[in-house]
Amino acid sequence: MSTQAKTFLTPEEYLAIERKAEYKSQYYRGEMFAMAGASLAHNTLVANSIGELHGKLRGGACRVLPSDMRVRVSATGLYTYPDVVAVCGEPRLLDNQLDTLLNPHLIVEVLSLSTEAYDRGRKFEHYQTIESLREYLLLATDRVRADLYTRQPDGRWLLTSATRLEDSLDLQSVGCSLSLAGLYERVDLAEPESTAAESRP
């Protein structure tokens, strides 16, 4: 049994390391958590989401950002990299490095076998504390399914699910709709997916 103590990092120490690192890590309560690679289906869904949103939001008040945009959940101290983020109006950033967003309006996570429980559970609990967040979209990689959680005026989250390629979802947070046909274009749902575990907060 190892008696080696874990190294506790402050958020400032984490950011100093992360900004020089060749790979991405999340941070929570003094610890860094390495992020695993993703499957072709996962990456295709991410690319399709960005492409669909970029086309619909171009010229408006909202913009879409890819997974290199780090997000800080201020209330809980989590630093993470959502698959896709959209922000409306002026982005609020942590510091003059301009690489950590504080006020996302829409977060999209593409699910995998190893992360689905976390994305639906504990991670969503973190995200719910972000005051600016209005919608949380989850996309499955093993079947056509999109689950959209929309924050209600009383603070509850309303779930709307879509499971057919002819379905579409209205994203009130950014003022557009997304078709599942567009999101799932060229996604091979039969592709075997790695079940490798990923460390996460």
N, C-alpha and C. Protein backbone atom coordinates (compact mmCIF):
# COMPACT_ATOMS: atom_id res chain seq x y z
N MET A 1 0.84 -1.20 0.00
CA MET A 1 0.00 0.00 0.00
C MET A 1 0.88 1.25 0.00
N SER A 2 0.62 2.13 -0.93
CA SER A 2 1.43 3.34 -1.05
C SER A 2 1.05 4.36 0.01
N THR A 3 2.06 4.97 0.57
CA THR A 3 1.82 6.02 1.56
C THR A 3 2.19 7.39 0.99
N GLN A 4 2.47 7.43 -0.32
CA GLN A 4 2.85 8.68 -0.95
C GLN A 4 1.67 9.64 -0.96
N ALA A 5 1.88 10.83 -0.42
CA ALA A 5 0.80 11.82 -0.36
C ALA A 5 0.55 12.43 -1.74
N LYS A 6 -0.71 12.71 -2.02
CA LYS A 6 -1.06 13.36 -3.26
C LYS A 6 -0.61 14.82 -3.22
N THR A 7 -0.20 15.31 -4.38
CA THR A 7 0.21 16.71 -4.48
C THR A 7 -1.03 17.57 -4.67
N PHE A 8 -1.24 18.52 -3.78
CA PHE A 8 -2.38 19.43 -3.88
C PHE A 8 -1.96 20.64 -4.67
N LEU A 9 -2.73 20.97 -5.68
CA LEU A 9 -2.43 22.12 -6.52
C LEU A 9 -3.50 23.20 -6.32
N THR A 10 -3.06 24.43 -6.27
CA THR A 10 -4.02 25.53 -6.27
C THR A 10 -4.51 25.74 -7.70
N PRO A 11 -5.63 26.42 -7.89
CA PRO A 11 -6.08 26.72 -9.26
C PRO A 11 -5.02 27.45 -10.07
N GLU A 12 -4.29 28.34 -9.43
CA GLU A 12 -3.24 29.08 -10.14
C GLU A 12 -2.11 28.15 -10.60
N GLU A 13 -1.75 27.19 -9.74
CA GLU A 13 -0.71 26.23 -10.11
C GLU A 13 -1.19 25.33 -11.25
N TYR A 14 -2.44 24.90 -11.16
CA TYR A 14 -3.01 24.09 -12.24
C TYR A 14 -2.95 24.83 -13.57
N LEU A 15 -3.39 26.09 -13.59
CA LEU A 15 -3.41 26.84 -14.84
C LEU A 15 -2.00 27.04 -15.40
N ALA A 16 -1.03 27.26 -14.51
CA ALA A 16 0.35 27.43 -14.97
C ALA A 16 0.85 26.16 -15.65
N ILE A 17 0.52 25.00 -15.08
CA ILE A 17 0.91 23.72 -15.68
C ILE A 17 0.13 23.46 -16.96
N GLU A 18 -1.17 23.66 -16.90
CA GLU A 18 -2.05 23.34 -18.02
C GLU A 18 -1.73 24.16 -19.25
N ARG A 19 -1.35 25.42 -19.06
CA ARG A 19 -1.09 26.29 -20.20
C ARG A 19 0.18 25.92 -20.93
N LYS A 20 1.03 25.09 -20.32
CA LYS A 20 2.26 24.63 -20.96
C LYS A 20 2.17 23.17 -21.40
N ALA A 21 1.10 22.49 -21.02
CA ALA A 21 1.00 21.05 -21.26
C ALA A 21 0.68 20.73 -22.71
N GLU A 22 1.08 19.53 -23.16
CA GLU A 22 0.80 19.08 -24.51
C GLU A 22 -0.55 18.36 -24.61
N TYR A 23 -1.14 18.04 -23.47
CA TYR A 23 -2.45 17.39 -23.44
C TYR A 23 -3.31 18.07 -22.39
N LYS A 24 -4.62 17.90 -22.49
CA LYS A 24 -5.55 18.60 -21.62
C LYS A 24 -5.86 17.80 -20.36
N SER A 25 -6.03 18.53 -19.25
CA SER A 25 -6.44 17.93 -17.99
C SER A 25 -7.50 18.80 -17.35
N GLN A 26 -8.47 18.16 -16.71
CA GLN A 26 -9.44 18.87 -15.90
C GLN A 26 -8.86 19.08 -14.50
N TYR A 27 -9.51 19.93 -13.72
CA TYR A 27 -9.02 20.22 -12.37
C TYR A 27 -10.21 20.32 -11.43
N TYR A 28 -10.03 19.71 -10.25
CA TYR A 28 -11.07 19.82 -9.22
C TYR A 28 -10.47 19.53 -7.86
N ARG A 29 -10.69 20.43 -6.92
CA ARG A 29 -10.27 20.27 -5.54
C ARG A 29 -8.81 19.85 -5.39
N GLY A 30 -7.95 20.58 -6.09
CA GLY A 30 -6.52 20.37 -5.92
C GLY A 30 -5.90 19.31 -6.78
N GLU A 31 -6.69 18.60 -7.58
CA GLU A 31 -6.16 17.52 -8.40
C GLU A 31 -6.42 17.75 -9.88
N MET A 32 -5.47 17.26 -10.70
CA MET A 32 -5.62 17.30 -12.14
C MET A 32 -6.06 15.91 -12.62
N PHE A 33 -6.95 15.90 -13.64
CA PHE A 33 -7.47 14.66 -14.17
C PHE A 33 -7.26 14.65 -15.68
N ALA A 34 -6.41 13.73 -16.16
CA ALA A 34 -6.10 13.66 -17.58
C ALA A 34 -7.34 13.27 -18.37
N MET A 35 -7.45 13.81 -19.58
CA MET A 35 -8.57 13.52 -20.45
C MET A 35 -8.15 12.51 -21.51
N ALA A 36 -8.99 11.51 -21.75
CA ALA A 36 -8.70 10.47 -22.73
C ALA A 36 -9.06 10.94 -24.13
N GLY A 37 -8.55 10.21 -25.13
CA GLY A 37 -8.90 10.48 -26.51
C GLY A 37 -10.33 10.04 -26.79
N ALA A 38 -10.82 10.33 -28.00
CA ALA A 38 -12.21 10.05 -28.34
C ALA A 38 -12.30 9.29 -29.65
N SER A 39 -13.42 8.60 -29.84
CA SER A 39 -13.65 7.78 -31.03
C SER A 39 -14.00 8.65 -32.24
N LEU A 40 -14.01 8.01 -33.41
CA LEU A 40 -14.39 8.71 -34.64
C LEU A 40 -15.82 9.21 -34.56
N ALA A 41 -16.73 8.38 -34.04
CA ALA A 41 -18.13 8.80 -33.91
C ALA A 41 -18.24 10.01 -33.00
N HIS A 42 -17.53 9.97 -31.88
CA HIS A 42 -17.54 11.09 -30.93
C HIS A 42 -17.06 12.37 -31.61
N ASN A 43 -15.92 12.28 -32.28
CA ASN A 43 -15.35 13.47 -32.90
C ASN A 43 -16.21 13.97 -34.06
N THR A 44 -16.86 13.06 -34.78
CA THR A 44 -17.75 13.48 -35.87
C THR A 44 -18.95 14.24 -35.32
N LEU A 45 -19.52 13.75 -34.21
CA LEU A 45 -20.64 14.46 -33.58
C LEU A 45 -20.22 15.84 -33.09
N VAL A 46 -19.03 15.93 -32.53
CA VAL A 46 -18.52 17.24 -32.07
C VAL A 46 -18.37 18.18 -33.27
N ALA A 47 -17.74 17.68 -34.33
CA ALA A 47 -17.53 18.52 -35.52
C ALA A 47 -18.86 18.95 -36.14
N ASN A 48 -19.81 18.01 -36.21
CA ASN A 48 -21.12 18.35 -36.77
C ASN A 48 -21.84 19.40 -35.92
N SER A 49 -21.73 19.26 -34.60
CA SER A 49 -22.38 20.22 -33.70
C SER A 49 -21.81 21.62 -33.90
N ILE A 50 -20.49 21.69 -33.98
CA ILE A 50 -19.84 22.98 -34.20
C ILE A 50 -20.23 23.57 -35.55
N GLY A 51 -20.21 22.71 -36.58
CA GLY A 51 -20.56 23.19 -37.92
C GLY A 51 -21.99 23.68 -38.01
N GLU A 52 -22.92 22.91 -37.45
CA GLU A 52 -24.34 23.31 -37.48
C GLU A 52 -24.55 24.61 -36.72
N LEU A 53 -23.97 24.70 -35.53
CA LEU A 53 -24.16 25.91 -34.72
C LEU A 53 -23.48 27.12 -35.35
N HIS A 54 -22.28 26.93 -35.88
CA HIS A 54 -21.57 28.06 -36.49
C HIS A 54 -22.37 28.65 -37.64
N GLY A 55 -22.93 27.78 -38.48
CA GLY A 55 -23.71 28.28 -39.61
C GLY A 55 -24.94 29.05 -39.19
N LYS A 56 -25.58 28.59 -38.14
CA LYS A 56 -26.83 29.22 -37.69
C LYS A 56 -26.58 30.47 -36.85
N LEU A 57 -25.44 30.54 -36.17
CA LEU A 57 -25.18 31.67 -35.27
C LEU A 57 -24.37 32.78 -35.93
N ARG A 58 -23.85 32.52 -37.11
CA ARG A 58 -23.00 33.51 -37.78
C ARG A 58 -23.73 34.84 -37.93
N GLY A 59 -23.05 35.90 -37.54
CA GLY A 59 -23.61 37.24 -37.67
C GLY A 59 -24.51 37.67 -36.54
N GLY A 60 -24.76 36.77 -35.58
CA GLY A 60 -25.63 37.09 -34.46
C GLY A 60 -24.86 37.40 -33.19
N ALA A 61 -25.58 37.39 -32.08
CA ALA A 61 -24.97 37.75 -30.80
C ALA A 61 -24.25 36.59 -30.13
N CYS A 62 -24.43 35.37 -30.65
CA CYS A 62 -23.85 34.19 -30.02
C CYS A 62 -22.74 33.61 -30.90
N ARG A 63 -21.80 32.94 -30.27
CA ARG A 63 -20.73 32.26 -31.01
C ARG A 63 -20.51 30.88 -30.42
N VAL A 64 -20.01 29.97 -31.25
CA VAL A 64 -19.74 28.60 -30.80
C VAL A 64 -18.23 28.41 -30.69
N LEU A 65 -17.82 27.64 -29.68
CA LEU A 65 -16.41 27.42 -29.41
C LEU A 65 -16.14 25.92 -29.24
N PRO A 66 -14.99 25.44 -29.73
CA PRO A 66 -14.69 24.01 -29.63
C PRO A 66 -14.13 23.61 -28.27
N SER A 67 -13.72 22.34 -28.17
CA SER A 67 -13.36 21.77 -26.87
C SER A 67 -12.04 22.28 -26.30
N ASP A 68 -11.30 23.09 -27.04
CA ASP A 68 -10.10 23.70 -26.45
C ASP A 68 -10.45 24.88 -25.54
N MET A 69 -11.72 25.29 -25.53
CA MET A 69 -12.13 26.38 -24.65
C MET A 69 -12.41 25.83 -23.25
N ARG A 70 -11.52 26.15 -22.34
CA ARG A 70 -11.69 25.70 -20.96
C ARG A 70 -12.79 26.51 -20.29
N VAL A 71 -13.59 25.85 -19.44
CA VAL A 71 -14.66 26.50 -18.69
C VAL A 71 -14.40 26.31 -17.21
N ARG A 72 -14.53 27.38 -16.45
CA ARG A 72 -14.46 27.27 -14.99
C ARG A 72 -15.86 27.35 -14.41
N VAL A 73 -16.19 26.35 -13.60
CA VAL A 73 -17.45 26.38 -12.85
C VAL A 73 -17.13 27.07 -11.52
N SER A 74 -17.42 28.34 -11.45
CA SER A 74 -16.94 29.15 -10.32
C SER A 74 -17.46 28.66 -8.97
N ALA A 75 -18.70 28.21 -8.91
CA ALA A 75 -19.30 27.83 -7.63
C ALA A 75 -18.67 26.58 -7.03
N THR A 76 -18.17 25.68 -7.89
CA THR A 76 -17.62 24.42 -7.38
C THR A 76 -16.12 24.30 -7.55
N GLY A 77 -15.52 25.15 -8.37
CA GLY A 77 -14.08 25.10 -8.58
C GLY A 77 -13.63 24.14 -9.66
N LEU A 78 -14.56 23.57 -10.43
CA LEU A 78 -14.19 22.66 -11.51
C LEU A 78 -13.70 23.44 -12.72
N TYR A 79 -12.58 22.99 -13.27
CA TYR A 79 -12.09 23.48 -14.56
C TYR A 79 -12.22 22.32 -15.53
N THR A 80 -12.91 22.52 -16.65
CA THR A 80 -13.18 21.41 -17.55
C THR A 80 -13.24 21.90 -18.98
N TYR A 81 -13.29 20.93 -19.91
CA TYR A 81 -13.33 21.23 -21.34
C TYR A 81 -14.57 20.59 -21.95
N PRO A 82 -15.70 21.27 -21.99
CA PRO A 82 -16.88 20.71 -22.67
C PRO A 82 -16.58 20.45 -24.14
N ASP A 83 -17.30 19.53 -24.75
CA ASP A 83 -17.08 19.23 -26.16
C ASP A 83 -17.39 20.43 -27.04
N VAL A 84 -18.47 21.13 -26.74
CA VAL A 84 -18.86 22.32 -27.49
C VAL A 84 -19.49 23.32 -26.52
N VAL A 85 -19.19 24.60 -26.71
CA VAL A 85 -19.74 25.66 -25.86
C VAL A 85 -20.25 26.78 -26.77
N ALA A 86 -21.36 27.37 -26.38
CA ALA A 86 -21.81 28.59 -27.06
C ALA A 86 -22.00 29.67 -26.00
N VAL A 87 -21.59 30.89 -26.35
CA VAL A 87 -21.72 32.03 -25.45
C VAL A 87 -22.37 33.17 -26.22
N CYS A 88 -23.25 33.90 -25.57
CA CYS A 88 -23.95 35.01 -26.21
C CYS A 88 -23.52 36.32 -25.56
N GLY A 89 -23.42 37.35 -26.37
CA GLY A 89 -22.96 38.63 -25.83
C GLY A 89 -21.47 38.60 -25.56
N GLU A 90 -21.05 39.36 -24.59
CA GLU A 90 -19.63 39.49 -24.28
C GLU A 90 -19.15 38.31 -23.45
N PRO A 91 -18.15 37.55 -23.94
CA PRO A 91 -17.61 36.46 -23.13
C PRO A 91 -16.91 37.01 -21.89
N ARG A 92 -17.16 36.39 -20.74
CA ARG A 92 -16.45 36.72 -19.51
C ARG A 92 -15.33 35.70 -19.33
N LEU A 93 -14.11 36.20 -19.24
CA LEU A 93 -12.95 35.33 -19.16
C LEU A 93 -12.22 35.52 -17.84
N LEU A 94 -11.54 34.46 -17.42
CA LEU A 94 -10.94 34.44 -16.09
C LEU A 94 -9.85 35.48 -15.92
N ASP A 95 -8.98 35.61 -16.91
CA ASP A 95 -7.84 36.54 -16.78
C ASP A 95 -7.39 36.96 -18.17
N ASN A 96 -6.24 37.64 -18.23
CA ASN A 96 -5.80 38.18 -19.51
C ASN A 96 -5.22 37.13 -20.46
N GLN A 97 -5.18 35.87 -20.03
CA GLN A 97 -4.78 34.79 -20.94
C GLN A 97 -5.90 34.45 -21.92
N LEU A 98 -7.13 34.84 -21.58
CA LEU A 98 -8.30 34.70 -22.46
C LEU A 98 -8.56 33.26 -22.88
N ASP A 99 -8.30 32.31 -21.97
CA ASP A 99 -8.47 30.90 -22.32
C ASP A 99 -9.39 30.13 -21.38
N THR A 100 -10.07 30.84 -20.46
CA THR A 100 -10.96 30.18 -19.51
C THR A 100 -12.27 30.96 -19.44
N LEU A 101 -13.33 30.35 -19.96
CA LEU A 101 -14.63 31.01 -20.06
C LEU A 101 -15.43 30.83 -18.77
N LEU A 102 -16.12 31.90 -18.36
CA LEU A 102 -16.90 31.86 -17.12
C LEU A 102 -18.41 31.86 -17.36
N ASN A 103 -18.87 32.25 -18.55
CA ASN A 103 -20.31 32.44 -18.75
C ASN A 103 -20.88 31.75 -19.99
N PRO A 104 -20.73 30.43 -20.09
CA PRO A 104 -21.36 29.73 -21.22
C PRO A 104 -22.89 29.79 -21.11
N HIS A 105 -23.56 29.84 -22.26
CA HIS A 105 -25.02 29.79 -22.28
C HIS A 105 -25.54 28.42 -22.70
N LEU A 106 -24.75 27.72 -23.52
CA LEU A 106 -25.09 26.38 -23.98
C LEU A 106 -23.84 25.51 -23.87
N ILE A 107 -23.99 24.31 -23.33
CA ILE A 107 -22.91 23.33 -23.30
C ILE A 107 -23.41 22.06 -23.97
N VAL A 108 -22.58 21.51 -24.84
CA VAL A 108 -22.88 20.24 -25.51
C VAL A 108 -21.83 19.22 -25.09
N GLU A 109 -22.28 18.07 -24.63
CA GLU A 109 -21.37 16.97 -24.33
C GLU A 109 -21.79 15.77 -25.18
N VAL A 110 -20.81 15.15 -25.82
CA VAL A 110 -21.03 13.92 -26.57
C VAL A 110 -20.71 12.76 -25.66
N LEU A 111 -21.65 11.85 -25.50
CA LEU A 111 -21.51 10.78 -24.52
C LEU A 111 -20.67 9.63 -25.05
N SER A 112 -20.00 8.94 -24.13
CA SER A 112 -19.30 7.70 -24.46
C SER A 112 -19.59 6.71 -23.34
N LEU A 113 -19.26 5.45 -23.57
CA LEU A 113 -19.53 4.43 -22.56
C LEU A 113 -18.84 4.76 -21.24
N SER A 114 -17.64 5.35 -21.33
CA SER A 114 -16.87 5.60 -20.12
C SER A 114 -17.25 6.89 -19.41
N THR A 115 -17.97 7.80 -20.08
CA THR A 115 -18.27 9.10 -19.47
C THR A 115 -19.75 9.40 -19.30
N GLU A 116 -20.63 8.55 -19.84
CA GLU A 116 -22.06 8.89 -19.85
C GLU A 116 -22.62 9.12 -18.46
N ALA A 117 -22.31 8.23 -17.52
CA ALA A 117 -22.85 8.38 -16.16
C ALA A 117 -22.39 9.69 -15.53
N TYR A 118 -21.12 10.03 -15.73
CA TYR A 118 -20.57 11.27 -15.18
C TYR A 118 -21.20 12.50 -15.84
N ASP A 119 -21.33 12.47 -17.19
CA ASP A 119 -21.90 13.62 -17.90
C ASP A 119 -23.36 13.85 -17.52
N ARG A 120 -24.09 12.77 -17.29
CA ARG A 120 -25.50 12.90 -16.91
C ARG A 120 -25.69 13.22 -15.43
N GLY A 121 -24.71 12.86 -14.62
CA GLY A 121 -24.84 12.98 -13.18
C GLY A 121 -24.02 14.10 -12.57
N ARG A 122 -22.86 13.74 -12.04
CA ARG A 122 -22.06 14.69 -11.27
C ARG A 122 -21.64 15.92 -12.08
N LYS A 123 -21.27 15.69 -13.35
CA LYS A 123 -20.84 16.84 -14.16
C LYS A 123 -22.00 17.80 -14.39
N PHE A 124 -23.19 17.24 -14.63
CA PHE A 124 -24.36 18.10 -14.80
C PHE A 124 -24.65 18.87 -13.52
N GLU A 125 -24.40 18.28 -12.37
CA GLU A 125 -24.58 18.99 -11.10
C GLU A 125 -23.66 20.20 -11.05
N HIS A 126 -22.41 20.01 -11.48
CA HIS A 126 -21.48 21.16 -11.56
C HIS A 126 -22.05 22.23 -12.49
N TYR A 127 -22.44 21.82 -13.69
CA TYR A 127 -22.89 22.77 -14.70
C TYR A 127 -24.13 23.55 -14.24
N GLN A 128 -25.00 22.92 -13.49
CA GLN A 128 -26.22 23.58 -13.05
C GLN A 128 -25.94 24.80 -12.17
N THR A 129 -24.75 24.87 -11.58
CA THR A 129 -24.42 26.02 -10.73
C THR A 129 -23.93 27.23 -11.52
N ILE A 130 -23.73 27.07 -12.84
CA ILE A 130 -23.30 28.20 -13.68
C ILE A 130 -24.51 29.08 -13.96
N GLU A 131 -24.51 30.29 -13.45
CA GLU A 131 -25.69 31.16 -13.55
C GLU A 131 -26.08 31.46 -14.99
N SER A 132 -25.10 31.59 -15.88
CA SER A 132 -25.39 31.96 -17.27
C SER A 132 -25.93 30.79 -18.08
N LEU A 133 -25.70 29.56 -17.63
CA LEU A 133 -26.06 28.39 -18.44
C LEU A 133 -27.56 28.24 -18.56
N ARG A 134 -28.03 28.12 -19.80
CA ARG A 134 -29.46 27.99 -20.06
C ARG A 134 -29.82 26.60 -20.59
N GLU A 135 -28.89 25.96 -21.31
CA GLU A 135 -29.21 24.66 -21.87
C GLU A 135 -27.99 23.73 -21.87
N TYR A 136 -28.29 22.44 -21.74
CA TYR A 136 -27.27 21.40 -21.69
C TYR A 136 -27.73 20.30 -22.63
N LEU A 137 -26.96 20.05 -23.69
CA LEU A 137 -27.33 19.09 -24.72
C LEU A 137 -26.40 17.89 -24.67
N LEU A 138 -26.98 16.70 -24.57
CA LEU A 138 -26.23 15.45 -24.53
C LEU A 138 -26.53 14.66 -25.80
N LEU A 139 -25.47 14.18 -26.48
CA LEU A 139 -25.62 13.43 -27.72
C LEU A 139 -25.02 12.05 -27.56
N ALA A 140 -25.81 11.02 -27.86
CA ALA A 140 -25.34 9.64 -27.76
C ALA A 140 -24.50 9.27 -28.98
N THR A 141 -23.53 8.35 -28.79
CA THR A 141 -22.70 7.89 -29.91
C THR A 141 -23.09 6.49 -30.37
N ASP A 142 -23.90 5.78 -29.60
CA ASP A 142 -24.25 4.41 -29.96
C ASP A 142 -25.64 4.31 -30.61
N ARG A 143 -26.35 5.41 -30.68
CA ARG A 143 -27.69 5.44 -31.28
C ARG A 143 -28.05 6.90 -31.54
N VAL A 144 -29.09 7.11 -32.33
CA VAL A 144 -29.57 8.47 -32.55
C VAL A 144 -30.38 8.88 -31.33
N ARG A 145 -29.82 9.76 -30.54
CA ARG A 145 -30.54 10.25 -29.36
C ARG A 145 -29.89 11.55 -28.88
N ALA A 146 -30.72 12.55 -28.69
CA ALA A 146 -30.28 13.83 -28.16
C ALA A 146 -31.18 14.20 -26.99
N ASP A 147 -30.58 14.51 -25.86
CA ASP A 147 -31.31 14.93 -24.66
C ASP A 147 -30.96 16.38 -24.35
N LEU A 148 -31.95 17.24 -24.39
CA LEU A 148 -31.75 18.67 -24.15
C LEU A 148 -32.39 19.06 -22.83
N TYR A 149 -31.56 19.57 -21.92
CA TYR A 149 -32.05 20.09 -20.64
C TYR A 149 -32.09 21.61 -20.73
N THR A 150 -33.26 22.19 -20.46
CA THR A 150 -33.45 23.64 -20.53
C THR A 150 -33.82 24.17 -19.15
N ARG A 151 -33.09 25.17 -18.68
CA ARG A 151 -33.37 25.76 -17.38
C ARG A 151 -34.68 26.56 -17.43
N GLN A 152 -35.56 26.28 -16.47
CA GLN A 152 -36.84 26.98 -16.38
C GLN A 152 -36.72 28.20 -15.46
N PRO A 153 -37.66 29.14 -15.55
CA PRO A 153 -37.59 30.33 -14.69
C PRO A 153 -37.52 30.02 -13.19
N ASP A 154 -38.10 28.89 -12.78
CA ASP A 154 -38.06 28.54 -11.35
C ASP A 154 -36.83 27.73 -10.97
N GLY A 155 -35.89 27.56 -11.92
CA GLY A 155 -34.65 26.87 -11.62
C GLY A 155 -34.65 25.39 -11.96
N ARG A 156 -35.82 24.82 -12.24
CA ARG A 156 -35.86 23.42 -12.63
C ARG A 156 -35.32 23.25 -14.05
N TRP A 157 -34.96 22.01 -14.39
CA TRP A 157 -34.45 21.71 -15.73
C TRP A 157 -35.44 20.80 -16.45
N LEU A 158 -35.92 21.24 -17.61
CA LEU A 158 -36.89 20.50 -18.40
C LEU A 158 -36.15 19.68 -19.45
N LEU A 159 -36.44 18.37 -19.50
CA LEU A 159 -35.80 17.47 -20.45
C LEU A 159 -36.66 17.31 -21.70
N THR A 160 -36.06 17.51 -22.87
CA THR A 160 -36.68 17.23 -24.15
C THR A 160 -35.76 16.26 -24.89
N SER A 161 -36.30 15.10 -25.32
CA SER A 161 -35.49 14.10 -26.00
C SER A 161 -35.94 13.94 -27.44
N ALA A 162 -35.00 13.62 -28.32
CA ALA A 162 -35.28 13.37 -29.72
C ALA A 162 -34.52 12.12 -30.14
N THR A 163 -35.17 11.25 -30.91
CA THR A 163 -34.56 9.95 -31.23
C THR A 163 -34.66 9.58 -32.70
N ARG A 164 -35.15 10.49 -33.55
CA ARG A 164 -35.29 10.19 -34.98
C ARG A 164 -34.53 11.22 -35.80
N LEU A 165 -33.98 10.80 -36.93
CA LEU A 165 -33.22 11.72 -37.77
C LEU A 165 -34.07 12.87 -38.28
N GLU A 166 -35.38 12.66 -38.39
CA GLU A 166 -36.26 13.75 -38.86
C GLU A 166 -36.62 14.72 -37.74
N ASP A 167 -36.20 14.44 -36.50
CA ASP A 167 -36.49 15.33 -35.37
C ASP A 167 -35.53 16.52 -35.36
N SER A 168 -35.95 17.57 -34.68
CA SER A 168 -35.07 18.73 -34.45
C SER A 168 -35.31 19.23 -33.03
N LEU A 169 -34.35 19.96 -32.52
CA LEU A 169 -34.43 20.53 -31.18
C LEU A 169 -34.31 22.04 -31.25
N ASP A 170 -35.19 22.75 -30.56
CA ASP A 170 -35.12 24.21 -30.48
C ASP A 170 -34.22 24.61 -29.32
N LEU A 171 -33.16 25.32 -29.63
CA LEU A 171 -32.23 25.78 -28.61
C LEU A 171 -32.56 27.24 -28.29
N GLN A 172 -33.32 27.44 -27.22
CA GLN A 172 -33.74 28.78 -26.84
C GLN A 172 -32.56 29.64 -26.40
N SER A 173 -31.54 29.00 -25.86
CA SER A 173 -30.39 29.74 -25.32
C SER A 173 -29.66 30.53 -26.39
N VAL A 174 -29.62 30.00 -27.61
CA VAL A 174 -28.88 30.65 -28.68
C VAL A 174 -29.78 31.03 -29.86
N GLY A 175 -31.08 30.75 -29.75
CA GLY A 175 -32.04 31.20 -30.75
C GLY A 175 -31.97 30.48 -32.08
N CYS A 176 -31.79 29.16 -32.07
CA CYS A 176 -31.79 28.41 -33.32
C CYS A 176 -32.26 26.99 -33.05
N SER A 177 -32.47 26.22 -34.11
CA SER A 177 -32.83 24.82 -33.96
C SER A 177 -31.79 23.96 -34.67
N LEU A 178 -31.61 22.74 -34.17
CA LEU A 178 -30.67 21.79 -34.76
C LEU A 178 -31.42 20.54 -35.17
N SER A 179 -31.15 20.06 -36.36
CA SER A 179 -31.77 18.81 -36.81
C SER A 179 -30.86 17.65 -36.44
N LEU A 180 -31.47 16.54 -36.05
CA LEU A 180 -30.67 15.36 -35.75
C LEU A 180 -30.01 14.80 -37.01
N ALA A 181 -30.63 15.01 -38.16
CA ALA A 181 -30.01 14.58 -39.41
C ALA A 181 -28.68 15.28 -39.62
N GLY A 182 -28.63 16.57 -39.29
CA GLY A 182 -27.37 17.31 -39.40
C GLY A 182 -26.36 16.90 -38.36
N LEU A 183 -26.82 16.70 -37.14
CA LEU A 183 -25.91 16.32 -36.06
C LEU A 183 -25.30 14.94 -36.29
N TYR A 184 -26.09 14.02 -36.83
CA TYR A 184 -25.65 12.63 -37.00
C TYR A 184 -25.16 12.31 -38.41
N GLU A 185 -24.95 13.32 -39.23
CA GLU A 185 -24.44 13.09 -40.58
C GLU A 185 -23.08 12.39 -40.53
N ARG A 186 -22.97 11.26 -41.21
CA ARG A 186 -21.73 10.48 -41.35
C ARG A 186 -21.21 9.93 -40.02
N VAL A 187 -22.09 9.81 -39.03
CA VAL A 187 -21.72 9.18 -37.76
C VAL A 187 -22.00 7.69 -37.86
N ASP A 188 -20.97 6.87 -37.71
CA ASP A 188 -21.11 5.42 -37.78
C ASP A 188 -21.48 4.91 -36.39
N LEU A 189 -22.76 4.64 -36.19
CA LEU A 189 -23.25 4.21 -34.89
C LEU A 189 -22.82 2.79 -34.55
N ALA A 190 -22.37 2.03 -35.56
CA ALA A 190 -21.93 0.65 -35.31
C ALA A 190 -20.46 0.58 -34.91
N GLU A 191 -19.79 1.71 -34.92
CA GLU A 191 -18.36 1.73 -34.61
C GLU A 191 -18.10 1.25 -33.19
N PRO A 192 -17.19 0.28 -32.99
CA PRO A 192 -16.87 -0.14 -31.62
C PRO A 192 -16.22 0.99 -30.86
N GLU A 193 -16.60 1.12 -29.61
CA GLU A 193 -16.12 2.23 -28.78
C GLU A 193 -15.23 1.72 -27.66
N SER A 194 -14.18 2.42 -27.41
CA SER A 194 -13.28 2.05 -26.32
C SER A 194 -13.97 2.24 -24.98
N THR A 195 -13.73 1.30 -24.08
CA THR A 195 -14.30 1.41 -22.73
C THR A 195 -13.23 1.78 -21.71
N ALA A 196 -12.11 2.29 -22.20
CA ALA A 196 -11.03 2.68 -21.30
C ALA A 196 -11.50 3.74 -20.31
N ALA A 197 -11.18 3.53 -19.05
CA ALA A 197 -11.62 4.45 -18.02
C ALA A 197 -10.85 5.76 -18.09
N GLU A 198 -11.51 6.82 -17.76
CA GLU A 198 -10.89 8.14 -17.74
C GLU A 198 -11.04 8.68 -16.33
N SER A 199 -9.93 9.19 -15.78
CA SER A 199 -10.02 9.81 -14.45
C SER A 199 -10.81 11.09 -14.56
N ARG A 200 -11.69 11.32 -13.59
CA ARG A 200 -12.50 12.53 -13.64
C ARG A 200 -12.97 12.90 -12.24
N PRO A 201 -13.24 14.18 -12.04
CA PRO A 201 -13.67 14.64 -10.72
C PRO A 201 -15.10 14.21 -10.40
